[in-house]
């Protein structure tokens, strides 16, 4: 299920960040970025911390190997991002 509210950012900073992404990337921001920006203090900050721990924390795998595994899993699941 996709939340349509993510397409209508509420805060000035959300709108500014999404506008910068749109300009640099030449398209809309990926949905995970929109989720992180939506209610950042309540949800996004915690998600970013978790992702950093998983992808950059101590591990026998390098950060690149973990990123590759995440990309491969996304491809298998036909995930757009």
C-alpha atoms as a PDB file:
ATOM      1  CA  UNK A   1       0.000   0.000   0.000  1.00  0.00           C
ATOM      2  CA  UNK A   2       1.340   3.443  -0.929  1.00  0.00           C
ATOM      3  CA  UNK A   3       0.489   6.517   1.112  1.00  0.00           C
ATOM      4  CA  UNK A   4      -0.574   9.398  -1.141  1.00  0.00           C
ATOM      5  CA  UNK A   5       0.158  11.864   1.673  1.00  0.00           C
ATOM      6  CA  UNK A   6       3.855  11.389   0.932  1.00  0.00           C
ATOM      7  CA  UNK A   7       3.362  13.256  -2.352  1.00  0.00           C
ATOM      8  CA  UNK A   8       2.235  16.382  -0.482  1.00  0.00           C
ATOM      9  CA  UNK A   9       4.979  17.403   1.959  1.00  0.00           C
ATOM     10  CA  UNK A  10       3.765  19.587   4.802  1.00  0.00           C
ATOM     11  CA  UNK A  11       6.813  21.423   6.074  1.00  0.00           C
ATOM     12  CA  UNK A  12       8.828  24.097   4.331  1.00  0.00           C
ATOM     13  CA  UNK A  13      12.046  22.100   4.787  1.00  0.00           C
ATOM     14  CA  UNK A  14      10.448  18.946   3.389  1.00  0.00           C
ATOM     15  CA  UNK A  15       9.336  20.832   0.293  1.00  0.00           C
ATOM     16  CA  UNK A  16      12.784  22.426  -0.104  1.00  0.00           C
ATOM     17  CA  UNK A  17      14.628  19.103   0.222  1.00  0.00           C
ATOM     18  CA  UNK A  18      12.302  17.377  -2.237  1.00  0.00           C
ATOM     19  CA  UNK A  19      12.681  20.286  -4.686  1.00  0.00           C
ATOM     20  CA  UNK A  20      16.476  19.963  -4.518  1.00  0.00           C
ATOM     21  CA  UNK A  21      16.255  16.207  -5.106  1.00  0.00           C
ATOM     22  CA  UNK A  22      13.868  16.772  -8.019  1.00  0.00           C
ATOM     23  CA  UNK A  23      16.238  19.296  -9.581  1.00  0.00           C
ATOM     24  CA  UNK A  24      19.430  17.265  -9.095  1.00  0.00           C
ATOM     25  CA  UNK A  25      17.956  13.856  -9.957  1.00  0.00           C
ATOM     26  CA  UNK A  26      15.732  15.125 -12.747  1.00  0.00           C
ATOM     27  CA  UNK A  27      12.674  13.439 -11.250  1.00  0.00           C
ATOM     28  CA  UNK A  28      10.792  12.861  -8.055  1.00  0.00           C
ATOM     29  CA  UNK A  29      12.479  11.517  -4.945  1.00  0.00           C
ATOM     30  CA  UNK A  30      12.218   7.766  -4.347  1.00  0.00           C
ATOM     31  CA  UNK A  31       9.471   6.717  -1.944  1.00  0.00           C
ATOM     32  CA  UNK A  32      11.900   5.663   0.842  1.00  0.00           C
ATOM     33  CA  UNK A  33      13.277   9.216   0.898  1.00  0.00           C
ATOM     34  CA  UNK A  34       9.743  10.596   1.150  1.00  0.00           C
ATOM     35  CA  UNK A  35       9.008   8.235   4.044  1.00  0.00           C
ATOM     36  CA  UNK A  36      12.145   9.351   5.881  1.00  0.00           C
ATOM     37  CA  UNK A  37      11.277  13.037   5.405  1.00  0.00           C
ATOM     38  CA  UNK A  38       7.651  12.562   6.456  1.00  0.00           C
ATOM     39  CA  UNK A  39       7.504  13.219  10.204  1.00  0.00           C
ATOM     40  CA  UNK A  40      11.280  13.007  10.435  1.00  0.00           C
ATOM     41  CA  UNK A  41      11.433  13.566  14.212  1.00  0.00           C
ATOM     42  CA  UNK A  42       8.836  10.899  14.899  1.00  0.00           C
ATOM     43  CA  UNK A  43       9.938   8.233  12.420  1.00  0.00           C
ATOM     44  CA  UNK A  44      12.618   9.248   9.922  1.00  0.00           C
ATOM     45  CA  UNK A  45      15.446   9.882  12.390  1.00  0.00           C
ATOM     46  CA  UNK A  46      14.961   6.455  13.954  1.00  0.00           C
ATOM     47  CA  UNK A  47      14.882   4.761  10.553  1.00  0.00           C
ATOM     48  CA  UNK A  48      18.059   6.538   9.448  1.00  0.00           C
ATOM     49  CA  UNK A  49      19.831   5.437  12.640  1.00  0.00           C
ATOM     50  CA  UNK A  50      18.712   1.841  12.083  1.00  0.00           C
ATOM     51  CA  UNK A  51      19.820   1.861   8.443  1.00  0.00           C
ATOM     52  CA  UNK A  52      23.213   3.284   9.378  1.00  0.00           C
ATOM     53  CA  UNK A  53      23.695   0.592  12.018  1.00  0.00           C
ATOM     54  CA  UNK A  54      22.729  -2.172   9.601  1.00  0.00           C
ATOM     55  CA  UNK A  55      24.668  -0.920   6.581  1.00  0.00           C
ATOM     56  CA  UNK A  56      27.655   0.727   8.271  1.00  0.00           C
ATOM     57  CA  UNK A  57      27.974  -0.963  11.680  1.00  0.00           C
ATOM     58  CA  UNK A  58      30.458  -3.615  12.722  1.00  0.00           C
ATOM     59  CA  UNK A  59      30.302  -6.669  10.479  1.00  0.00           C
ATOM     60  CA  UNK A  60      32.441  -9.208   8.713  1.00  0.00           C
ATOM     61  CA  UNK A  61      30.918  -7.855   5.497  1.00  0.00           C
ATOM     62  CA  UNK A  62      32.059  -4.560   4.008  1.00  0.00           C
ATOM     63  CA  UNK A  63      29.574  -1.727   3.535  1.00  0.00           C
ATOM     64  CA  UNK A  64      29.752  -2.340  -0.212  1.00  0.00           C
ATOM     65  CA  UNK A  65      28.881  -6.022   0.172  1.00  0.00           C
ATOM     66  CA  UNK A  66      25.892  -5.138   2.336  1.00  0.00           C
ATOM     67  CA  UNK A  67      24.727  -2.522  -0.183  1.00  0.00           C
ATOM     68  CA  UNK A  68      25.091  -5.085  -2.981  1.00  0.00           C
ATOM     69  CA  UNK A  69      23.037  -7.630  -1.041  1.00  0.00           C
ATOM     70  CA  UNK A  70      20.337  -5.003  -0.425  1.00  0.00           C
ATOM     71  CA  UNK A  71      20.261  -4.084  -4.130  1.00  0.00           C
ATOM     72  CA  UNK A  72      20.123  -7.739  -5.182  1.00  0.00           C
ATOM     73  CA  UNK A  73      17.279  -8.444  -2.734  1.00  0.00           C
ATOM     74  CA  UNK A  74      15.380  -5.418  -4.033  1.00  0.00           C
ATOM     75  CA  UNK A  75      15.795  -6.671  -7.607  1.00  0.00           C
ATOM     76  CA  UNK A  76      14.538 -10.151  -6.690  1.00  0.00           C
ATOM     77  CA  UNK A  77      11.501  -8.610  -5.018  1.00  0.00           C
ATOM     78  CA  UNK A  78      10.956  -6.332  -8.027  1.00  0.00           C
ATOM     79  CA  UNK A  79      11.331  -3.276  -5.822  1.00  0.00           C
ATOM     80  CA  UNK A  80      11.542  -0.015  -7.801  1.00  0.00           C
ATOM     81  CA  UNK A  81      14.237   1.498  -5.608  1.00  0.00           C
END
